[in-house]
């Protein structure tokens, strides 16, 4: 008996049908969402790998985010999209931001 390959898909949020995915809600076209955290409210935009065309430096780890790597852009919600306050983060660094301090460059 042959084993089927494992699928590494995240679980679908409750209430979404098979034809109404996160992409249909704008996740793949750069829509922003508000994330609340102990460090304040943040506007967060997901950048899919296909749309990541420039190199950025992550404030969480101080490493480069190279073209073709999916990541997030975040800025304080109170600034309403101020370009100077936007930072590009690795997904894991953004998730762990409250568990560690920013790198020297950004502190």
PDB file of N, CA and C in Angstrom:
ATOM      1  N   UNK A   1       0.840  -1.165   0.000  1.00  0.00           N
ATOM      2  CA  UNK A   1       0.000   0.000   0.000  1.00  0.00           C
ATOM      3  C   UNK A   1       0.895   1.242   0.000  1.00  0.00           C
ATOM      4  N   UNK A   2       0.616   2.172  -0.905  1.00  0.00           N
ATOM      5  CA  UNK A   2       1.377   3.406  -0.998  1.00  0.00           C
ATOM      6  C   UNK A   2       0.755   4.470  -0.108  1.00  0.00           C
ATOM      7  N   UNK A   3       1.629   5.211   0.559  1.00  0.00           N
ATOM      8  CA  UNK A   3       1.149   6.292   1.422  1.00  0.00           C
ATOM      9  C   UNK A   3       0.933   7.547   0.590  1.00  0.00           C
ATOM     10  N   UNK A   4      -0.101   8.264   0.898  1.00  0.00           N
ATOM     11  CA  UNK A   4      -0.366   9.529   0.213  1.00  0.00           C
ATOM     12  C   UNK A   4       0.558  10.599   0.783  1.00  0.00           C
ATOM     13  N   UNK A   5       1.034  11.522  -0.058  1.00  0.00           N
ATOM     14  CA  UNK A   5       1.869  12.597   0.469  1.00  0.00           C
ATOM     15  C   UNK A   5       1.074  13.493   1.415  1.00  0.00           C
ATOM     16  N   UNK A   6       1.771  14.004   2.384  1.00  0.00           N
ATOM     17  CA  UNK A   6       1.140  14.866   3.375  1.00  0.00           C
ATOM     18  C   UNK A   6       0.909  16.253   2.792  1.00  0.00           C
ATOM     19  N   UNK A   7      -0.198  16.846   3.099  1.00  0.00           N
ATOM     20  CA  UNK A   7      -0.500  18.205   2.665  1.00  0.00           C
ATOM     21  C   UNK A   7      -0.230  19.159   3.816  1.00  0.00           C
ATOM     22  N   UNK A   8       0.544  20.174   3.564  1.00  0.00           N
ATOM     23  CA  UNK A   8       0.880  21.143   4.596  1.00  0.00           C
ATOM     24  C   UNK A   8       0.046  22.400   4.456  1.00  0.00           C
ATOM     25  N   UNK A   9      -1.228  22.242   4.471  1.00  0.00           N
ATOM     26  CA  UNK A   9      -2.139  23.376   4.378  1.00  0.00           C
ATOM     27  C   UNK A   9      -2.606  23.763   5.766  1.00  0.00           C
ATOM     28  N   UNK A  10      -2.695  25.067   6.030  1.00  0.00           N
ATOM     29  CA  UNK A  10      -3.235  25.472   7.331  1.00  0.00           C
ATOM     30  C   UNK A  10      -4.722  25.141   7.408  1.00  0.00           C
ATOM     31  N   UNK A  11      -5.235  24.916   8.602  1.00  0.00           N
ATOM     32  CA  UNK A  11      -6.659  24.624   8.720  1.00  0.00           C
ATOM     33  C   UNK A  11      -7.488  25.817   8.265  1.00  0.00           C
ATOM     34  N   UNK A  12      -8.594  25.530   7.631  1.00  0.00           N
ATOM     35  CA  UNK A  12      -9.482  26.580   7.124  1.00  0.00           C
ATOM     36  C   UNK A  12     -10.257  27.192   8.280  1.00  0.00           C
ATOM     37  N   UNK A  13     -10.324  28.528   8.336  1.00  0.00           N
ATOM     38  CA  UNK A  13     -11.123  29.156   9.392  1.00  0.00           C
ATOM     39  C   UNK A  13     -12.582  28.721   9.308  1.00  0.00           C
ATOM     40  N   UNK A  14     -13.223  28.620  10.454  1.00  0.00           N
ATOM     41  CA  UNK A  14     -14.631  28.216  10.477  1.00  0.00           C
ATOM     42  C   UNK A  14     -15.480  29.255   9.772  1.00  0.00           C
ATOM     43  N   UNK A  15     -16.452  28.791   9.057  1.00  0.00           N
ATOM     44  CA  UNK A  15     -17.362  29.692   8.378  1.00  0.00           C
ATOM     45  C   UNK A  15     -17.000  29.937   6.920  1.00  0.00           C
ATOM     46  N   UNK A  16     -15.833  29.491   6.472  1.00  0.00           N
ATOM     47  CA  UNK A  16     -15.473  29.670   5.066  1.00  0.00           C
ATOM     48  C   UNK A  16     -15.856  28.416   4.293  1.00  0.00           C
ATOM     49  N   UNK A  17     -16.459  28.602   3.178  1.00  0.00           N
ATOM     50  CA  UNK A  17     -16.780  27.468   2.329  1.00  0.00           C
ATOM     51  C   UNK A  17     -15.608  27.228   1.399  1.00  0.00           C
ATOM     52  N   UNK A  18     -15.617  26.146   0.678  1.00  0.00           N
ATOM     53  CA  UNK A  18     -14.496  25.786  -0.177  1.00  0.00           C
ATOM     54  C   UNK A  18     -14.252  26.800  -1.281  1.00  0.00           C
ATOM     55  N   UNK A  19     -15.265  27.514  -1.744  1.00  0.00           N
ATOM     56  CA  UNK A  19     -15.060  28.471  -2.823  1.00  0.00           C
ATOM     57  C   UNK A  19     -14.847  29.894  -2.309  1.00  0.00           C
ATOM     58  N   UNK A  20     -14.784  30.078  -0.987  1.00  0.00           N
ATOM     59  CA  UNK A  20     -14.568  31.406  -0.426  1.00  0.00           C
ATOM     60  C   UNK A  20     -13.371  31.330   0.500  1.00  0.00           C
ATOM     61  N   UNK A  21     -12.201  31.551  -0.061  1.00  0.00           N
ATOM     62  CA  UNK A  21     -10.968  31.376   0.698  1.00  0.00           C
ATOM     63  C   UNK A  21     -10.426  32.712   1.175  1.00  0.00           C
ATOM     64  N   UNK A  22      -9.298  32.668   1.886  1.00  0.00           N
ATOM     65  CA  UNK A  22      -8.640  33.900   2.342  1.00  0.00           C
ATOM     66  C   UNK A  22      -8.221  34.744   1.145  1.00  0.00           C
ATOM     67  N   UNK A  23      -7.846  34.124   0.036  1.00  0.00           N
ATOM     68  CA  UNK A  23      -7.469  34.879  -1.154  1.00  0.00           C
ATOM     69  C   UNK A  23      -8.663  35.679  -1.668  1.00  0.00           C
ATOM     70  N   UNK A  24      -9.847  35.109  -1.578  1.00  0.00           N
ATOM     71  CA  UNK A  24     -11.034  35.827  -2.030  1.00  0.00           C
ATOM     72  C   UNK A  24     -11.321  37.029  -1.140  1.00  0.00           C
ATOM     73  N   UNK A  25     -10.864  36.973   0.105  1.00  0.00           N
ATOM     74  CA  UNK A  25     -11.073  38.092   1.019  1.00  0.00           C
ATOM     75  C   UNK A  25      -9.982  39.150   0.876  1.00  0.00           C
ATOM     76  N   UNK A  26      -9.012  38.948  -0.013  1.00  0.00           N
ATOM     77  CA  UNK A  26      -8.024  39.980  -0.259  1.00  0.00           C
ATOM     78  C   UNK A  26      -6.644  39.694   0.283  1.00  0.00           C
ATOM     79  N   UNK A  27      -6.405  38.527   0.856  1.00  0.00           N
ATOM     80  CA  UNK A  27      -5.088  38.234   1.418  1.00  0.00           C
ATOM     81  C   UNK A  27      -4.007  38.262   0.349  1.00  0.00           C
ATOM     82  N   UNK A  28      -4.342  37.915  -0.880  1.00  0.00           N
ATOM     83  CA  UNK A  28      -3.349  37.882  -1.935  1.00  0.00           C
ATOM     84  C   UNK A  28      -3.215  39.177  -2.711  1.00  0.00           C
ATOM     85  N   UNK A  29      -4.004  40.173  -2.393  1.00  0.00           N
ATOM     86  CA  UNK A  29      -3.950  41.420  -3.154  1.00  0.00           C
ATOM     87  C   UNK A  29      -3.521  42.608  -2.310  1.00  0.00           C
ATOM     88  N   UNK A  30      -3.002  42.374  -1.117  1.00  0.00           N
ATOM     89  CA  UNK A  30      -2.440  43.449  -0.334  1.00  0.00           C
ATOM     90  C   UNK A  30      -3.400  44.202   0.567  1.00  0.00           C
ATOM     91  N   UNK A  31      -4.507  43.602   0.944  1.00  0.00           N
ATOM     92  CA  UNK A  31      -5.402  44.257   1.885  1.00  0.00           C
ATOM     93  C   UNK A  31      -4.759  44.238   3.259  1.00  0.00           C
ATOM     94  N   UNK A  32      -5.041  45.249   4.049  1.00  0.00           N
ATOM     95  CA  UNK A  32      -4.483  45.355   5.395  1.00  0.00           C
ATOM     96  C   UNK A  32      -5.500  44.903   6.429  1.00  0.00           C
ATOM     97  N   UNK A  33      -4.976  44.498   7.559  1.00  0.00           N
ATOM     98  CA  UNK A  33      -5.833  44.117   8.684  1.00  0.00           C
ATOM     99  C   UNK A  33      -5.239  44.748   9.937  1.00  0.00           C
ATOM    100  N   UNK A  34      -6.029  44.901  10.954  1.00  0.00           N
ATOM    101  CA  UNK A  34      -5.549  45.428  12.229  1.00  0.00           C
ATOM    102  C   UNK A  34      -5.266  44.252  13.145  1.00  0.00           C
ATOM    103  N   UNK A  35      -4.073  44.250  13.742  1.00  0.00           N
ATOM    104  CA  UNK A  35      -3.719  43.245  14.738  1.00  0.00           C
ATOM    105  C   UNK A  35      -3.492  43.962  16.060  1.00  0.00           C
ATOM    106  N   UNK A  36      -4.165  43.481  17.092  1.00  0.00           N
ATOM    107  CA  UNK A  36      -4.012  44.041  18.422  1.00  0.00           C
ATOM    108  C   UNK A  36      -3.016  43.190  19.188  1.00  0.00           C
ATOM    109  N   UNK A  37      -2.126  43.836  19.919  1.00  0.00           N
ATOM    110  CA  UNK A  37      -1.139  43.111  20.705  1.00  0.00           C
ATOM    111  C   UNK A  37      -0.737  43.918  21.919  1.00  0.00           C
ATOM    112  N   UNK A  38       0.084  43.321  22.782  1.00  0.00           N
ATOM    113  CA  UNK A  38       0.535  44.050  23.971  1.00  0.00           C
ATOM    114  C   UNK A  38       1.400  45.258  23.621  1.00  0.00           C
ATOM    115  N   UNK A  39       1.920  45.276  22.394  1.00  0.00           N
ATOM    116  CA  UNK A  39       2.743  46.409  21.943  1.00  0.00           C
ATOM    117  C   UNK A  39       1.929  47.422  21.149  1.00  0.00           C
ATOM    118  N   UNK A  40       0.610  47.329  21.187  1.00  0.00           N
ATOM    119  CA  UNK A  40      -0.254  48.284  20.516  1.00  0.00           C
ATOM    120  C   UNK A  40      -0.991  47.689  19.342  1.00  0.00           C
ATOM    121  N   UNK A  41      -1.711  48.526  18.634  1.00  0.00           N
ATOM    122  CA  UNK A  41      -2.462  48.106  17.451  1.00  0.00           C
ATOM    123  C   UNK A  41      -1.606  48.359  16.216  1.00  0.00           C
ATOM    124  N   UNK A  42      -1.603  47.391  15.317  1.00  0.00           N
ATOM    125  CA  UNK A  42      -0.775  47.459  14.117  1.00  0.00           C
ATOM    126  C   UNK A  42      -1.612  47.186  12.879  1.00  0.00           C
ATOM    127  N   UNK A  43      -1.338  47.916  11.825  1.00  0.00           N
ATOM    128  CA  UNK A  43      -1.865  47.581  10.510  1.00  0.00           C
ATOM    129  C   UNK A  43      -0.872  46.599   9.912  1.00  0.00           C
ATOM    130  N   UNK A  44      -1.358  45.491   9.402  1.00  0.00           N
ATOM    131  CA  UNK A  44      -0.491  44.434   8.879  1.00  0.00           C
ATOM    132  C   UNK A  44      -0.980  44.044   7.496  1.00  0.00           C
ATOM    133  N   UNK A  45      -0.053  43.948   6.570  1.00  0.00           N
ATOM    134  CA  UNK A  45      -0.354  43.537   5.203  1.00  0.00           C
ATOM    135  C   UNK A  45       0.542  42.354   4.855  1.00  0.00           C
ATOM    136  N   UNK A  46      -0.046  41.296   4.341  1.00  0.00           N
ATOM    137  CA  UNK A  46       0.708  40.129   3.906  1.00  0.00           C
ATOM    138  C   UNK A  46       1.230  40.372   2.493  1.00  0.00           C
ATOM    139  N   UNK A  47       2.514  40.083   2.294  1.00  0.00           N
ATOM    140  CA  UNK A  47       3.116  40.199   0.971  1.00  0.00           C
ATOM    141  C   UNK A  47       3.424  38.774   0.496  1.00  0.00           C
ATOM    142  N   UNK A  48       2.670  38.260  -0.481  1.00  0.00           N
ATOM    143  CA  UNK A  48       2.938  36.918  -0.997  1.00  0.00           C
ATOM    144  C   UNK A  48       4.293  36.865  -1.702  1.00  0.00           C
ATOM    145  N   UNK A  49       4.880  35.699  -1.744  1.00  0.00           N
ATOM    146  CA  UNK A  49       6.202  35.529  -2.358  1.00  0.00           C
ATOM    147  C   UNK A  49       6.229  36.040  -3.798  1.00  0.00           C
ATOM    148  N   UNK A  50       5.171  35.829  -4.537  1.00  0.00           N
ATOM    149  CA  UNK A  50       5.136  36.255  -5.940  1.00  0.00           C
ATOM    150  C   UNK A  50       5.172  37.771  -6.091  1.00  0.00           C
ATOM    151  N   UNK A  51       4.758  38.500  -5.055  1.00  0.00           N
ATOM    152  CA  UNK A  51       4.740  39.959  -5.121  1.00  0.00           C
ATOM    153  C   UNK A  51       5.930  40.594  -4.409  1.00  0.00           C
ATOM    154  N   UNK A  52       6.776  39.790  -3.781  1.00  0.00           N
ATOM    155  CA  UNK A  52       7.953  40.316  -3.083  1.00  0.00           C
ATOM    156  C   UNK A  52       9.080  40.469  -4.099  1.00  0.00           C
ATOM    157  N   UNK A  53       9.335  41.701  -4.540  1.00  0.00           N
ATOM    158  CA  UNK A  53      10.291  41.930  -5.625  1.00  0.00           C
ATOM    159  C   UNK A  53      11.525  42.708  -5.197  1.00  0.00           C
ATOM    160  N   UNK A  54      11.565  43.186  -3.960  1.00  0.00           N
ATOM    161  CA  UNK A  54      12.705  43.972  -3.487  1.00  0.00           C
ATOM    162  C   UNK A  54      13.313  43.332  -2.240  1.00  0.00           C
ATOM    163  N   UNK A  55      14.516  43.747  -1.908  1.00  0.00           N
ATOM    164  CA  UNK A  55      15.176  43.277  -0.696  1.00  0.00           C
ATOM    165  C   UNK A  55      14.900  44.267   0.434  1.00  0.00           C
ATOM    166  N   UNK A  56      14.533  43.734   1.602  1.00  0.00           N
ATOM    167  CA  UNK A  56      14.281  44.541   2.793  1.00  0.00           C
ATOM    168  C   UNK A  56      15.080  43.956   3.939  1.00  0.00           C
ATOM    169  N   UNK A  57      15.204  44.690   5.024  1.00  0.00           N
ATOM    170  CA  UNK A  57      15.881  44.202   6.221  1.00  0.00           C
ATOM    171  C   UNK A  57      14.858  44.095   7.340  1.00  0.00           C
ATOM    172  N   UNK A  58      14.739  42.900   7.903  1.00  0.00           N
ATOM    173  CA  UNK A  58      13.764  42.626   8.959  1.00  0.00           C
ATOM    174  C   UNK A  58      14.236  43.257  10.277  1.00  0.00           C
ATOM    175  N   UNK A  59      13.381  44.047  10.931  1.00  0.00           N
ATOM    176  CA  UNK A  59      13.778  44.636  12.212  1.00  0.00           C
ATOM    177  C   UNK A  59      13.815  43.621  13.353  1.00  0.00           C
ATOM    178  N   UNK A  60      13.216  42.459  13.157  1.00  0.00           N
ATOM    179  CA  UNK A  60      13.204  41.452  14.211  1.00  0.00           C
ATOM    180  C   UNK A  60      14.500  40.689  14.334  1.00  0.00           C
ATOM    181  N   UNK A  61      15.145  40.394  13.196  1.00  0.00           N
ATOM    182  CA  UNK A  61      16.368  39.591  13.219  1.00  0.00           C
ATOM    183  C   UNK A  61      17.543  40.288  12.550  1.00  0.00           C
ATOM    184  N   UNK A  62      17.306  41.417  11.897  1.00  0.00           N
ATOM    185  CA  UNK A  62      18.319  42.192  11.186  1.00  0.00           C
ATOM    186  C   UNK A  62      18.900  41.428   9.992  1.00  0.00           C
ATOM    187  N   UNK A  63      18.171  40.439   9.476  1.00  0.00           N
ATOM    188  CA  UNK A  63      18.580  39.721   8.267  1.00  0.00           C
ATOM    189  C   UNK A  63      17.767  40.231   7.090  1.00  0.00           C
ATOM    190  N   UNK A  64      18.279  39.982   5.903  1.00  0.00           N
ATOM    191  CA  UNK A  64      17.575  40.412   4.695  1.00  0.00           C
ATOM    192  C   UNK A  64      16.346  39.555   4.420  1.00  0.00           C
ATOM    193  N   UNK A  65      15.336  40.202   3.867  1.00  0.00           N
ATOM    194  CA  UNK A  65      14.190  39.508   3.289  1.00  0.00           C
ATOM    195  C   UNK A  65      14.391  39.656   1.791  1.00  0.00           C
ATOM    196  N   UNK A  66      14.747  38.595   1.144  1.00  0.00           N
ATOM    197  CA  UNK A  66      15.098  38.641  -0.270  1.00  0.00           C
ATOM    198  C   UNK A  66      13.855  38.558  -1.164  1.00  0.00           C
ATOM    199  N   UNK A  67      13.999  38.993  -2.415  1.00  0.00           N
ATOM    200  CA  UNK A  67      12.876  38.865  -3.361  1.00  0.00           C
ATOM    201  C   UNK A  67      12.411  37.407  -3.452  1.00  0.00           C
ATOM    202  N   UNK A  68      11.112  37.234  -3.551  1.00  0.00           N
ATOM    203  CA  UNK A  68      10.536  35.898  -3.659  1.00  0.00           C
ATOM    204  C   UNK A  68      10.229  35.259  -2.315  1.00  0.00           C
ATOM    205  N   UNK A  69      10.465  35.963  -1.217  1.00  0.00           N
ATOM    206  CA  UNK A  69      10.159  35.447   0.119  1.00  0.00           C
ATOM    207  C   UNK A  69       8.915  36.168   0.643  1.00  0.00           C
ATOM    208  N   UNK A  70       7.881  35.413   0.943  1.00  0.00           N
ATOM    209  CA  UNK A  70       6.669  36.001   1.499  1.00  0.00           C
ATOM    210  C   UNK A  70       6.953  36.569   2.881  1.00  0.00           C
ATOM    211  N   UNK A  71       6.330  37.692   3.220  1.00  0.00           N
ATOM    212  CA  UNK A  71       6.565  38.348   4.504  1.00  0.00           C
ATOM    213  C   UNK A  71       5.391  39.263   4.821  1.00  0.00           C
ATOM    214  N   UNK A  72       5.500  40.027   5.893  1.00  0.00           N
ATOM    215  CA  UNK A  72       4.457  40.980   6.253  1.00  0.00           C
ATOM    216  C   UNK A  72       5.050  42.387   6.344  1.00  0.00           C
ATOM    217  N   UNK A  73       4.202  43.367   6.083  1.00  0.00           N
ATOM    218  CA  UNK A  73       4.547  44.771   6.293  1.00  0.00           C
ATOM    219  C   UNK A  73       3.658  45.249   7.428  1.00  0.00           C
ATOM    220  N   UNK A  74       4.261  45.902   8.414  1.00  0.00           N
ATOM    221  CA  UNK A  74       3.493  46.356   9.571  1.00  0.00           C
ATOM    222  C   UNK A  74       3.855  47.799   9.909  1.00  0.00           C
ATOM    223  N   UNK A  75       2.858  48.530  10.391  1.00  0.00           N
ATOM    224  CA  UNK A  75       3.071  49.899  10.846  1.00  0.00           C
ATOM    225  C   UNK A  75       2.040  50.196  11.922  1.00  0.00           C
ATOM    226  N   UNK A  76       2.348  51.143  12.831  1.00  0.00           N
ATOM    227  CA  UNK A  76       1.397  51.458  13.901  1.00  0.00           C
ATOM    228  C   UNK A  76       0.054  51.903  13.320  1.00  0.00           C
ATOM    229  N   UNK A  77      -1.020  51.379  13.855  1.00  0.00           N
ATOM    230  CA  UNK A  77      -2.360  51.694  13.344  1.00  0.00           C
ATOM    231  C   UNK A  77      -2.685  53.174  13.490  1.00  0.00           C
ATOM    232  N   UNK A  78      -2.114  53.828  14.479  1.00  0.00           N
ATOM    233  CA  UNK A  78      -2.404  55.245  14.702  1.00  0.00           C
ATOM    234  C   UNK A  78      -1.845  56.128  13.595  1.00  0.00           C
ATOM    235  N   UNK A  79      -0.852  55.634  12.833  1.00  0.00           N
ATOM    236  CA  UNK A  79      -0.221  56.439  11.781  1.00  0.00           C
ATOM    237  C   UNK A  79      -0.974  56.387  10.459  1.00  0.00           C
ATOM    238  N   UNK A  80      -1.955  55.531  10.334  1.00  0.00           N
ATOM    239  CA  UNK A  80      -2.774  55.412   9.132  1.00  0.00           C
ATOM    240  C   UNK A  80      -1.946  55.239   7.858  1.00  0.00           C
ATOM    241  N   UNK A  81      -0.907  54.437   7.929  1.00  0.00           N
ATOM    242  CA  UNK A  81      -0.162  54.110   6.716  1.00  0.00           C
ATOM    243  C   UNK A  81       1.010  55.003   6.412  1.00  0.00           C
ATOM    244  N   UNK A  82       1.570  55.668   7.401  1.00  0.00           N
ATOM    245  CA  UNK A  82       2.738  56.511   7.175  1.00  0.00           C
ATOM    246  C   UNK A  82       3.874  55.660   6.596  1.00  0.00           C
ATOM    247  N   UNK A  83       4.349  56.018   5.422  1.00  0.00           N
ATOM    248  CA  UNK A  83       5.365  55.226   4.727  1.00  0.00           C
ATOM    249  C   UNK A  83       6.647  55.128   5.554  1.00  0.00           C
ATOM    250  N   UNK A  84       6.994  56.169   6.280  1.00  0.00           N
ATOM    251  CA  UNK A  84       8.229  56.166   7.066  1.00  0.00           C
ATOM    252  C   UNK A  84       8.197  55.149   8.203  1.00  0.00           C
ATOM    253  N   UNK A  85       7.005  54.800   8.683  1.00  0.00           N
ATOM    254  CA  UNK A  85       6.885  53.884   9.811  1.00  0.00           C
ATOM    255  C   UNK A  85       6.647  52.435   9.402  1.00  0.00           C
ATOM    256  N   UNK A  86       6.549  52.158   8.124  1.00  0.00           N
ATOM    257  CA  UNK A  86       6.308  50.784   7.669  1.00  0.00           C
ATOM    258  C   UNK A  86       7.594  49.977   7.748  1.00  0.00           C
ATOM    259  N   UNK A  87       7.466  48.752   8.235  1.00  0.00           N
ATOM    260  CA  UNK A  87       8.602  47.841   8.336  1.00  0.00           C
ATOM    261  C   UNK A  87       8.208  46.499   7.745  1.00  0.00           C
ATOM    262  N   UNK A  88       9.137  45.902   7.027  1.00  0.00           N
ATOM    263  CA  UNK A  88       8.945  44.579   6.435  1.00  0.00           C
ATOM    264  C   UNK A  88       9.549  43.548   7.384  1.00  0.00           C
ATOM    265  N   UNK A  89       8.755  42.568   7.776  1.00  0.00           N
ATOM    266  CA  UNK A  89       9.157  41.553   8.753  1.00  0.00           C
ATOM    267  C   UNK A  89       9.051  40.156   8.146  1.00  0.00           C
ATOM    268  N   UNK A  90       9.959  39.256   8.532  1.00  0.00           N
ATOM    269  CA  UNK A  90       9.743  37.833   8.269  1.00  0.00           C
ATOM    270  C   UNK A  90       8.478  37.431   9.036  1.00  0.00           C
ATOM    271  N   UNK A  91       7.729  36.494   8.516  1.00  0.00           N
ATOM    272  CA  UNK A  91       6.501  36.061   9.199  1.00  0.00           C
ATOM    273  C   UNK A  91       6.785  35.590  10.620  1.00  0.00           C
ATOM    274  N   UNK A  92       7.814  34.771  10.807  1.00  0.00           N
ATOM    275  CA  UNK A  92       8.154  34.262  12.137  1.00  0.00           C
ATOM    276  C   UNK A  92       8.623  35.348  13.078  1.00  0.00           C
ATOM    277  N   UNK A  93       9.382  36.304  12.562  1.00  0.00           N
ATOM    278  CA  UNK A  93       9.856  37.410  13.400  1.00  0.00           C
ATOM    279  C   UNK A  93       8.684  38.278  13.852  1.00  0.00           C
ATOM    280  N   UNK A  94       7.730  38.504  12.964  1.00  0.00           N
ATOM    281  CA  UNK A  94       6.551  39.296  13.333  1.00  0.00           C
ATOM    282  C   UNK A  94       5.766  38.590  14.433  1.00  0.00           C
ATOM    283  N   UNK A  95       5.585  37.300  14.293  1.00  0.00           N
ATOM    284  CA  UNK A  95       4.843  36.531  15.288  1.00  0.00           C
ATOM    285  C   UNK A  95       5.557  36.554  16.636  1.00  0.00           C
ATOM    286  N   UNK A  96       6.891  36.536  16.643  1.00  0.00           N
ATOM    287  CA  UNK A  96       7.674  36.472  17.880  1.00  0.00           C
ATOM    288  C   UNK A  96       8.082  37.839  18.411  1.00  0.00           C
ATOM    289  N   UNK A  97       7.597  38.914  17.848  1.00  0.00           N
ATOM    290  CA  UNK A  97       8.081  40.248  18.215  1.00  0.00           C
ATOM    291  C   UNK A  97       7.879  40.589  19.683  1.00  0.00           C
ATOM    292  N   UNK A  98       6.851  40.032  20.317  1.00  0.00           N
ATOM    293  CA  UNK A  98       6.598  40.351  21.721  1.00  0.00           C
ATOM    294  C   UNK A  98       7.453  39.506  22.665  1.00  0.00           C
ATOM    295  N   UNK A  99       8.107  38.469  22.141  1.00  0.00           N
ATOM    296  CA  UNK A  99       8.939  37.607  22.976  1.00  0.00           C
ATOM    297  C   UNK A  99      10.410  37.999  22.957  1.00  0.00           C
ATOM    298  N   UNK A 100      10.750  38.965  22.094  1.00  0.00           N
ATOM    299  CA  UNK A 100      12.137  39.403  22.050  1.00  0.00           C
ATOM    300  C   UNK A 100      12.170  40.881  21.666  1.00  0.00           C
ATOM    301  N   UNK A 101      13.276  41.515  21.955  1.00  0.00           N
ATOM    302  CA  UNK A 101      13.382  42.945  21.660  1.00  0.00           C
ATOM    303  C   UNK A 101      13.843  43.150  20.226  1.00  0.00           C
ATOM    304  N   UNK A 102      13.599  44.343  19.673  1.00  0.00           N
ATOM    305  CA  UNK A 102      14.076  44.599  18.317  1.00  0.00           C
ATOM    306  C   UNK A 102      15.605  44.633  18.268  1.00  0.00           C
ATOM    307  N   UNK A 103      16.144  44.478  17.098  1.00  0.00           N
ATOM    308  CA  UNK A 103      17.586  44.539  16.939  1.00  0.00           C
ATOM    309  C   UNK A 103      18.077  45.962  17.195  1.00  0.00           C
ATOM    310  N   UNK A 104      19.350  46.122  17.393  1.00  0.00           N
ATOM    311  CA  UNK A 104      19.929  47.428  17.700  1.00  0.00           C
ATOM    312  C   UNK A 104      19.551  48.500  16.698  1.00  0.00           C
ATOM    313  N   UNK A 105      19.554  48.133  15.437  1.00  0.00           N
ATOM    314  CA  UNK A 105      19.292  49.112  14.376  1.00  0.00           C
ATOM    315  C   UNK A 105      17.961  49.818  14.581  1.00  0.00           C
ATOM    316  N   UNK A 106      16.954  49.121  15.103  1.00  0.00           N
ATOM    317  CA  UNK A 106      15.604  49.668  15.204  1.00  0.00           C
ATOM    318  C   UNK A 106      15.245  50.134  16.601  1.00  0.00           C
ATOM    319  N   UNK A 107      16.080  49.860  17.590  1.00  0.00           N
ATOM    320  CA  UNK A 107      15.694  50.236  18.963  1.00  0.00           C
ATOM    321  C   UNK A 107      16.130  51.642  19.312  1.00  0.00           C
TER     322      UNK A 107
END
